[in-house]
């Protein structure tokens, strides 16, 4: 029997029948028919899906860092996993708050708690899911390059821990990877949390950089791409029990869908050069089985139960350029959350006359430095001062109407936000402006670098 036929045949086994039982298909389709008309075919089990619903998710109070041990009895099996009846996904948003700006919906996060100067663990995350070989790593590398995200592969972290002779869990992790089982959630969460903290921690002056993120220009409040997690309901509930309470928030989920036969070809081809012990036919079969039986139901639960965060499906079987174009379009929407949060905080600082907070969100060269006006003058004529007040304050203002007609354009680490503002003056007259603010992602997070106001 040829290898390809062997792999295709394994996906017609009873495990697939169990994973996509009639009850599961009926429940999944019932949640997605709503306002969708054009069917989209997913890669697994021949299931036809009528679109995907936008959604977010959840908060076991203990995960493993350092030398704690996990009993082998906690290893996950590859049996079809039912969703726990006591699941609680309500806390997965963490500190994010659903909001609107000029009728544009977004997830607000305070810029006062997301800069590089804050304590660790204020992280924003995208789950990146898909079958082995679906292209998650390739697209994550593209996202890092354009948007300056931080890519953390759960699998890579586990493989590194497996090779670390000082890690007390190395043997257990090795057993899981070879057998295609899911590593206990306490171990995975500990590795992910440590990696996120390390990625935003600046080295002390004079020390050697400890990671690739410390050798590159820092970007404040990066979006973390968590590749290959959560893999099952135990992972998901463990995340929801622990991570939101430490300040980690879920923005959404990207799911790369791909037919089994293409995944199989990619895995076997990759195994010729990757050097990975799990890029072989036996391990691939177990990993495919685990993904279909345990991860696919998690995706369905995220879509059904967590509405504020979007779960977006991307057809990973298309060409690289086509997949990247779709991925960029979706990522622009997630980055919009950060840009609108910064823009909202800036307007709040203006209305409350919090000029210190305003300066923290504006490029230093946009406004004059604060100087001592009592200092002796020089013979050189002073340069006219540009202050936050001179840029922003409308004299004789009685009230301001809500922002309208907002438009956001994302260009990687640069963005523009334009909108209409109406000011009612004390004499009853109105002033109508179209404002545009240009933002840039730098080592202090998103800051405004240009501002125009046209009447």
Protein backbone atom coordinates (compact mmCIF):
# COMPACT_ATOMS: atom_id res chain seq x y z
CA UNK A 1 0.00 0.00 0.00
CA UNK A 2 1.32 3.46 -0.86
CA UNK A 3 2.02 5.86 1.98
CA UNK A 4 -0.43 8.47 0.67
CA UNK A 5 -3.27 5.95 0.49
CA UNK A 6 -2.45 4.76 4.00
CA UNK A 7 -2.74 8.26 5.45
CA UNK A 8 -5.93 9.09 3.57
CA UNK A 9 -7.49 5.85 4.72
CA UNK A 10 -6.71 6.57 8.37
CA UNK A 11 -8.94 9.66 8.21
CA UNK A 12 -11.94 7.57 7.26
CA UNK A 13 -11.61 5.58 10.46
CA UNK A 14 -14.10 5.38 13.28
CA UNK A 15 -12.32 8.21 15.07
CA UNK A 16 -13.45 10.68 12.41
CA UNK A 17 -16.96 9.34 12.56
CA UNK A 18 -16.95 9.94 16.30
CA UNK A 19 -15.38 13.39 16.00
CA UNK A 20 -17.94 14.57 13.50
CA UNK A 21 -21.01 12.74 14.73
CA UNK A 22 -24.42 13.78 13.54
CA UNK A 23 -25.04 15.67 16.77
CA UNK A 24 -21.80 17.63 16.41
CA UNK A 25 -22.51 18.57 12.77
CA UNK A 26 -26.08 19.61 13.57
CA UNK A 27 -24.98 21.79 16.48
CA UNK A 28 -22.15 23.39 14.47
CA UNK A 29 -24.30 24.21 11.46
CA UNK A 30 -27.09 25.56 13.66
CA UNK A 31 -24.73 28.21 15.03
CA UNK A 32 -23.43 29.34 11.63
CA UNK A 33 -26.35 29.45 9.19
CA UNK A 34 -27.72 32.80 10.49
CA UNK A 35 -26.73 35.49 7.96
CA UNK A 36 -24.48 33.48 5.67
CA UNK A 37 -25.36 32.27 2.20
CA UNK A 38 -22.20 31.08 0.46
CA UNK A 39 -20.96 27.72 1.78
CA UNK A 40 -17.31 27.31 2.64
CA UNK A 41 -15.80 23.84 2.69
CA UNK A 42 -13.47 22.98 5.52
CA UNK A 43 -10.70 20.48 5.08
CA UNK A 44 -11.70 17.90 7.67
CA UNK A 45 -14.40 15.28 7.29
CA UNK A 46 -15.97 16.91 4.23
CA UNK A 47 -17.96 19.22 6.52
CA UNK A 48 -19.63 22.15 4.78
CA UNK A 49 -19.67 25.31 6.87
CA UNK A 50 -21.82 28.35 6.10
CA UNK A 51 -19.43 31.02 7.34
CA UNK A 52 -17.92 31.51 10.77
CA UNK A 53 -19.24 33.53 13.67
CA UNK A 54 -17.09 36.14 15.39
CA UNK A 55 -16.41 35.21 19.06
CA UNK A 56 -13.74 35.48 22.28
CA UNK A 57 -13.48 33.10 25.43
CA UNK A 58 -12.29 32.35 29.37
CA UNK A 59 -10.33 31.99 33.36
CA UNK A 60 -7.23 26.09 37.22
CA UNK A 61 -5.30 27.95 39.43
CA UNK A 62 -1.89 26.41 39.08
CA UNK A 63 0.54 26.16 36.23
CA UNK A 64 4.06 24.88 36.17
CA UNK A 65 7.16 27.02 36.23
CA UNK A 66 10.54 25.92 37.49
CA UNK A 67 10.83 22.54 39.13
CA UNK A 68 7.25 21.50 39.90
CA UNK A 69 6.30 18.04 38.68
CA UNK A 70 3.26 16.73 36.86
CA UNK A 71 2.15 13.12 37.30
CA UNK A 72 2.06 11.00 34.16
CA UNK A 73 -1.58 10.24 34.93
CA UNK A 74 -2.42 13.77 33.74
CA UNK A 75 -1.41 12.96 30.16
CA UNK A 76 -4.20 13.58 27.66
CA UNK A 77 -5.36 10.71 25.49
CA UNK A 78 -6.48 10.83 21.88
CA UNK A 79 -10.06 9.88 22.67
CA UNK A 80 -12.85 12.10 21.37
CA UNK A 81 -13.12 14.82 23.96
CA UNK A 82 -16.55 16.09 25.00
CA UNK A 83 -16.90 19.70 26.04
CA UNK A 84 -16.99 19.97 29.87
CA UNK A 85 -20.49 20.71 31.13
CA UNK A 86 -19.10 23.24 33.63
CA UNK A 87 -17.02 25.23 31.14
CA UNK A 88 -16.62 28.92 31.93
CA UNK A 89 -15.18 30.96 29.09
CA UNK A 90 -16.44 34.34 30.28
CA UNK A 91 -13.11 35.68 31.57
CA UNK A 92 -10.95 35.10 28.51
CA UNK A 93 -11.16 38.75 27.45
CA UNK A 94 -9.07 39.66 30.47
CA UNK A 95 -8.83 43.45 30.73
CA UNK A 96 -10.24 44.10 27.22
CA UNK A 97 -13.56 45.94 27.06
CA UNK A 98 -15.93 45.93 24.06
CA UNK A 99 -16.39 49.53 22.92
CA UNK A 100 -17.16 51.69 19.86
CA UNK A 101 -15.48 54.69 18.23
CA UNK A 102 -17.60 56.59 15.74
CA UNK A 103 -19.76 53.45 15.26
CA UNK A 104 -16.66 51.24 14.77
CA UNK A 105 -16.66 48.33 17.26
CA UNK A 106 -13.35 47.45 18.89
CA UNK A 107 -11.83 45.92 22.02
CA UNK A 108 -10.48 48.68 24.24
CA UNK A 109 -7.28 48.26 26.24
CA UNK A 110 -5.93 51.13 28.31
CA UNK A 111 -2.60 52.47 27.04
CA UNK A 112 -1.70 53.21 30.66
CA UNK A 113 -1.37 49.48 31.35
CA UNK A 114 0.16 48.19 28.09
CA UNK A 115 3.42 50.11 27.61
CA UNK A 116 6.84 48.52 27.98
CA UNK A 117 7.29 50.32 31.29
CA UNK A 118 4.51 48.42 33.03
CA UNK A 119 4.75 45.23 35.04
CA UNK A 120 4.95 41.91 33.27
CA UNK A 121 1.99 39.83 32.11
CA UNK A 122 -0.13 42.61 30.53
CA UNK A 123 -0.21 40.69 27.27
CA UNK A 124 -2.62 40.58 24.32
CA UNK A 125 -2.85 37.27 22.47
CA UNK A 126 -4.09 35.72 19.25
CA UNK A 127 -4.55 31.94 19.21
CA UNK A 128 -3.19 30.49 15.93
CA UNK A 129 -4.70 27.08 15.17
CA UNK A 130 -4.71 24.61 12.30
CA UNK A 131 -3.69 21.07 11.50
CA UNK A 132 0.01 20.16 11.39
CA UNK A 133 1.37 21.52 8.12
CA UNK A 134 -1.43 24.06 7.62
CA UNK A 135 1.03 26.95 7.31
CA UNK A 136 0.73 28.50 10.77
CA UNK A 137 4.48 29.02 11.17
CA UNK A 138 4.91 30.56 7.73
CA UNK A 139 2.12 33.08 8.21
CA UNK A 140 3.24 33.91 11.74
CA UNK A 141 6.71 34.77 10.38
CA UNK A 142 5.05 37.15 7.91
CA UNK A 143 3.00 38.76 10.68
CA UNK A 144 6.10 39.28 12.82
CA UNK A 145 7.87 40.97 9.91
CA UNK A 146 5.06 43.38 9.03
CA UNK A 147 3.33 44.05 12.35
CA UNK A 148 6.18 43.43 14.81
CA UNK A 149 4.20 40.81 16.68
CA UNK A 150 5.89 38.20 18.84
CA UNK A 151 5.46 34.62 17.62
CA UNK A 152 5.49 31.90 20.25
CA UNK A 153 5.03 28.35 19.01
CA UNK A 154 3.78 26.07 21.77
CA UNK A 155 5.36 23.18 19.90
CA UNK A 156 8.74 24.91 19.59
CA UNK A 157 8.74 25.80 23.28
CA UNK A 158 7.94 22.19 24.16
CA UNK A 159 10.61 20.82 21.83
CA UNK A 160 13.18 23.18 23.35
CA UNK A 161 12.14 22.13 26.86
CA UNK A 162 12.44 18.48 25.82
CA UNK A 163 16.08 19.03 24.85
CA UNK A 164 16.83 21.01 28.02
CA UNK A 165 18.51 18.55 30.37
CA UNK A 166 17.83 20.85 33.32
CA UNK A 167 14.08 20.78 32.73
CA UNK A 168 12.41 18.28 35.06
CA UNK A 169 9.63 17.73 32.52
CA UNK A 170 11.85 16.89 29.52
CA UNK A 171 11.15 13.13 29.58
CA UNK A 172 7.39 13.65 29.95
CA UNK A 173 7.34 16.20 27.12
CA UNK A 174 9.36 13.85 24.90
CA UNK A 175 6.90 11.01 25.55
CA UNK A 176 3.96 13.24 24.62
CA UNK A 177 5.52 14.51 21.40
CA UNK A 178 6.57 11.09 20.14
CA UNK A 179 3.20 9.49 20.96
CA UNK A 180 1.20 12.43 19.55
CA UNK A 181 -0.34 13.19 22.94
CA UNK A 182 -1.08 16.62 24.38
CA UNK A 183 1.34 17.88 27.03
CA UNK A 184 -0.28 18.69 30.41
CA UNK A 185 -1.64 22.22 30.37
CA UNK A 186 0.31 23.26 33.48
CA UNK A 187 3.58 22.74 31.62
CA UNK A 188 2.48 24.49 28.43
CA UNK A 189 1.10 27.53 30.25
CA UNK A 190 4.26 27.89 32.31
CA UNK A 191 6.42 27.89 29.18
CA UNK A 192 4.14 30.36 27.35
CA UNK A 193 3.90 32.75 30.28
CA UNK A 194 7.65 32.77 30.84
CA UNK A 195 8.27 33.35 27.13
CA UNK A 196 5.85 36.31 26.96
CA UNK A 197 7.39 37.93 30.02
CA UNK A 198 10.90 37.44 28.63
CA UNK A 199 9.91 38.95 25.27
CA UNK A 200 8.95 42.30 26.84
CA UNK A 201 11.65 42.43 29.51
CA UNK A 202 14.53 44.74 28.63
CA UNK A 203 18.00 43.53 29.61
CA UNK A 204 19.87 45.50 32.24
CA UNK A 205 22.45 47.98 30.89
CA UNK A 206 25.70 46.26 29.97
CA UNK A 207 24.22 42.75 29.89
CA UNK A 208 24.18 40.40 26.92
CA UNK A 209 20.84 39.98 25.13
CA UNK A 210 19.14 36.79 26.25
CA UNK A 211 16.79 36.28 23.30
CA UNK A 212 16.18 37.33 19.70
CA UNK A 213 13.62 39.87 20.93
CA UNK A 214 16.32 41.67 22.93
CA UNK A 215 18.56 41.99 19.87
CA UNK A 216 15.87 43.76 17.84
CA UNK A 217 14.21 47.12 18.18
CA UNK A 218 11.55 46.89 20.87
CA UNK A 219 7.92 47.57 20.18
CA UNK A 220 5.71 48.35 23.14
CA UNK A 221 2.64 46.24 23.89
CA UNK A 222 3.14 43.72 21.06
CA UNK A 223 0.45 41.26 20.02
CA UNK A 224 1.54 37.71 20.86
CA UNK A 225 0.82 34.99 18.30
CA UNK A 226 0.34 31.77 20.28
CA UNK A 227 0.82 29.05 17.67
CA UNK A 228 -0.68 25.62 18.36
CA UNK A 229 -2.59 26.42 21.56
CA UNK A 230 -5.15 25.57 22.92
CA UNK A 231 -5.14 22.00 21.62
CA UNK A 232 -8.02 20.65 23.71
CA UNK A 233 -10.66 21.68 26.25
CA UNK A 234 -8.26 21.07 29.11
CA UNK A 235 -5.86 23.61 27.53
CA UNK A 236 -8.66 26.08 27.00
CA UNK A 237 -10.10 25.85 30.49
CA UNK A 238 -6.62 25.97 31.99
CA UNK A 239 -5.91 29.16 30.07
CA UNK A 240 -9.18 30.71 31.23
CA UNK A 241 -8.59 29.73 34.85
CA UNK A 242 -5.11 31.24 34.99
CA UNK A 243 -4.02 33.66 32.28
CA UNK A 244 -6.70 36.42 32.48
CA UNK A 245 -5.99 36.83 36.20
CA UNK A 246 -2.36 37.68 35.37
CA UNK A 247 -3.42 40.35 32.87
CA UNK A 248 -3.28 38.27 29.66
CA UNK A 249 -6.18 38.95 27.29
CA UNK A 250 -7.41 37.13 24.17
CA UNK A 251 -8.02 39.28 21.09
CA UNK A 252 -9.23 36.43 18.87
CA UNK A 253 -8.36 33.24 17.03
CA UNK A 254 -7.01 32.55 13.53
CA UNK A 255 -7.78 29.06 12.19
CA UNK A 256 -5.95 27.85 9.08
CA UNK A 257 -8.14 25.21 7.43
CA UNK A 258 -6.53 22.75 5.02
CA UNK A 259 -7.58 19.39 3.48
CA UNK A 260 -6.02 16.32 5.01
CA UNK A 261 -4.30 15.17 1.83
CA UNK A 262 -2.44 18.48 1.54
CA UNK A 263 -1.45 18.43 5.22
CA UNK A 264 -0.12 14.91 4.75
CA UNK A 265 2.02 15.90 1.75
CA UNK A 266 3.41 18.95 3.56
CA UNK A 267 4.32 17.02 6.71
CA UNK A 268 6.14 14.25 4.84
CA UNK A 269 7.96 16.77 2.65
CA UNK A 270 8.94 18.87 5.67
CA UNK A 271 10.23 15.79 7.46
CA UNK A 272 12.94 15.37 4.83
CA UNK A 273 14.75 18.50 6.05
CA UNK A 274 13.22 19.62 9.36
CA UNK A 275 15.05 17.18 11.62
CA UNK A 276 11.96 17.00 13.84
CA UNK A 277 11.34 13.59 15.41
CA UNK A 278 7.57 14.03 15.00
CA UNK A 279 7.68 14.75 11.24
CA UNK A 280 7.12 11.12 10.27
CA UNK A 281 4.15 9.06 9.17
CA UNK A 282 3.44 7.43 12.54
CA UNK A 283 3.61 10.65 14.56
CA UNK A 284 1.75 12.56 11.85
CA UNK A 285 -1.14 10.10 11.99
CA UNK A 286 -1.44 10.57 15.75
CA UNK A 287 -1.15 14.37 15.47
CA UNK A 288 -3.81 14.53 12.75
CA UNK A 289 -6.09 12.34 14.83
CA UNK A 290 -5.53 14.48 17.93
CA UNK A 291 -6.22 17.70 16.03
CA UNK A 292 -9.50 16.48 14.56
CA UNK A 293 -10.78 14.83 17.73
CA UNK A 294 -9.68 17.39 20.32
CA UNK A 295 -8.79 20.74 18.74
CA UNK A 296 -11.61 21.08 16.20
CA UNK A 297 -14.31 20.92 18.93
CA UNK A 298 -12.42 23.64 20.84
CA UNK A 299 -12.63 25.92 17.79
CA UNK A 300 -16.36 25.29 17.57
CA UNK A 301 -16.77 26.12 21.28
CA UNK A 302 -14.85 29.39 20.89
CA UNK A 303 -17.08 30.41 18.00
CA UNK A 304 -20.25 29.52 19.86
CA UNK A 305 -19.50 30.70 23.38
CA UNK A 306 -17.19 33.68 23.12
CA UNK A 307 -18.75 36.37 20.96
CA UNK A 308 -16.64 39.43 21.69
CA UNK A 309 -13.46 37.94 20.20
CA UNK A 310 -13.44 36.92 16.56
CA UNK A 311 -12.63 33.41 15.45
CA UNK A 312 -11.68 33.68 11.78
CA UNK A 313 -11.12 30.83 9.33
CA UNK A 314 -8.53 31.13 6.55
CA UNK A 315 -8.26 28.65 3.68
CA UNK A 316 -4.71 27.40 4.12
CA UNK A 317 -4.83 25.24 0.97
CA UNK A 318 -4.44 28.29 -1.30
CA UNK A 319 -1.12 29.62 -2.53
CA UNK A 320 1.18 31.41 -0.10
CA UNK A 321 0.49 34.88 -1.53
CA UNK A 322 -3.27 34.39 -1.43
CA UNK A 323 -3.18 33.11 2.13
CA UNK A 324 -0.94 35.99 3.18
CA UNK A 325 -3.26 38.58 1.60
CA UNK A 326 -6.22 37.19 3.54
CA UNK A 327 -4.18 36.96 6.73
CA UNK A 328 -3.10 40.61 6.45
CA UNK A 329 -6.67 41.76 5.95
CA UNK A 330 -7.74 39.96 9.11
CA UNK A 331 -4.71 41.11 11.12
CA UNK A 332 -5.46 44.74 10.24
CA UNK A 333 -8.74 44.32 12.11
CA UNK A 334 -7.02 43.04 15.23
CA UNK A 335 -4.40 45.83 15.17
CA UNK A 336 -7.25 48.35 14.87
CA UNK A 337 -8.15 47.53 18.48
CA UNK A 338 -4.81 48.92 19.71
CA UNK A 339 -4.89 52.00 17.47
CA UNK A 340 -8.43 52.99 18.46
CA UNK A 341 -7.59 52.40 22.12
CA UNK A 342 -4.69 54.86 21.86
CA UNK A 343 -6.81 57.36 19.93
CA UNK A 344 -9.59 57.10 22.52
CA UNK A 345 -7.15 57.65 25.40
CA UNK A 346 -5.72 60.70 23.62
CA UNK A 347 -9.16 62.31 23.22
CA UNK A 348 -9.97 61.51 26.84
CA UNK A 349 -6.74 63.24 27.94
CA UNK A 350 -7.72 66.33 25.89
CA UNK A 351 -11.22 66.54 27.36
CA UNK A 352 -9.92 66.11 30.92
CA UNK A 353 -6.97 68.47 30.30
CA UNK A 354 -4.56 65.70 31.29
CA UNK A 355 -1.62 67.15 29.38
CA UNK A 356 0.91 64.79 30.97
CA UNK A 357 -1.12 61.85 29.69
CA UNK A 358 -1.39 63.60 26.32
CA UNK A 359 2.39 64.00 26.00
CA UNK A 360 2.85 60.29 26.75
CA UNK A 361 0.82 59.47 23.61
CA UNK A 362 2.46 61.99 21.24
CA UNK A 363 5.83 61.96 19.47
CA UNK A 364 8.22 64.33 21.31
CA UNK A 365 8.99 66.33 18.15
CA UNK A 366 5.32 67.28 17.67
CA UNK A 367 5.22 69.62 20.66
CA UNK A 368 7.67 71.96 22.32
CA UNK A 369 9.56 70.66 25.35
CA UNK A 370 8.47 71.95 28.70
CA UNK A 371 10.89 74.75 29.70
CA UNK A 372 11.35 77.13 32.58
CA UNK A 373 9.66 80.36 31.45
CA UNK A 374 11.47 82.29 34.21
CA UNK A 375 14.92 81.52 32.82
CA UNK A 376 16.87 84.52 31.42
CA UNK A 377 16.13 85.17 27.77
CA UNK A 378 18.81 85.07 25.10
CA UNK A 379 19.38 87.35 22.14
CA UNK A 380 18.02 84.63 19.81
CA UNK A 381 14.31 85.08 19.11
CA UNK A 382 12.43 82.23 20.78
CA UNK A 383 10.79 79.63 18.60
CA UNK A 384 6.98 79.81 18.91
CA UNK A 385 5.88 77.17 21.39
CA UNK A 386 3.65 74.37 20.18
CA UNK A 387 1.71 73.08 23.16
CA UNK A 388 -1.01 70.46 23.50
CA UNK A 389 -3.40 73.28 24.31
CA UNK A 390 -2.54 75.25 21.16
CA UNK A 391 -2.97 72.13 19.02
CA UNK A 392 -6.14 70.74 20.49
CA UNK A 393 -8.20 73.18 22.59
CA UNK A 394 -11.23 74.89 21.03
CA UNK A 395 -11.81 78.30 22.71
CA UNK A 396 -15.25 79.12 24.13
CA UNK A 397 -16.34 75.49 23.89
CA UNK A 398 -19.70 74.60 25.40
CA UNK A 399 -19.90 70.95 24.44
CA UNK A 400 -18.66 68.38 21.94
CA UNK A 401 -20.89 66.00 19.98
CA UNK A 402 -19.94 62.31 19.61
CA UNK A 403 -17.36 61.40 16.97
CA UNK A 404 -18.84 60.17 13.67
CA UNK A 405 -17.79 58.73 10.28
CA UNK A 406 -14.64 57.11 11.66
CA UNK A 407 -12.23 55.39 9.26
CA UNK A 408 -9.10 53.43 10.21
CA UNK A 409 -6.31 52.39 7.85
CA UNK A 410 -3.59 50.01 9.03
CA UNK A 411 -0.21 49.85 7.28
CA UNK A 412 1.80 47.48 9.46
CA UNK A 413 3.33 49.60 12.23
CA UNK A 414 1.73 52.82 10.94
CA UNK A 415 -1.97 53.70 11.03
CA UNK A 416 -4.31 56.60 10.39
CA UNK A 417 -7.58 57.38 12.16
CA UNK A 418 -9.88 59.97 10.60
CA UNK A 419 -13.30 61.11 11.81
CA UNK A 420 -15.71 64.01 12.05
CA UNK A 421 -15.97 66.17 15.20
CA UNK A 422 -18.58 68.81 15.95
CA UNK A 423 -18.04 71.48 18.62
CA UNK A 424 -20.85 73.67 19.96
CA UNK A 425 -19.58 77.06 21.15
CA UNK A 426 -20.92 79.22 23.97
CA UNK A 427 -22.65 81.54 21.50
CA UNK A 428 -24.59 78.60 20.08
CA UNK A 429 -22.64 78.31 16.81
CA UNK A 430 -21.20 75.03 15.54
CA UNK A 431 -17.72 74.14 14.33
CA UNK A 432 -17.38 71.06 12.11
CA UNK A 433 -13.97 69.47 11.54
CA UNK A 434 -12.51 66.43 9.83
CA UNK A 435 -9.55 65.27 11.90
CA UNK A 436 -6.88 62.78 10.91
CA UNK A 437 -4.29 61.42 13.32
CA UNK A 438 -1.35 59.32 12.17
CA UNK A 439 -0.06 56.73 14.62
CA UNK A 440 3.15 54.70 14.73
CA UNK A 441 4.04 51.62 16.75
CA UNK A 442 7.32 52.28 18.58
CA UNK A 443 9.08 51.06 21.71
CA UNK A 444 6.56 52.91 23.90
CA UNK A 445 3.54 51.45 22.14
CA UNK A 446 1.36 53.43 19.70
CA UNK A 447 2.06 57.18 19.60
CA UNK A 448 0.65 59.98 17.45
CA UNK A 449 3.18 61.35 14.95
CA UNK A 450 1.00 63.66 12.83
CA UNK A 451 -2.28 65.57 13.25
CA UNK A 452 -4.43 67.57 10.83
CA UNK A 453 -7.77 69.33 11.37
CA UNK A 454 -9.74 70.67 8.42
CA UNK A 455 -12.95 72.67 8.66
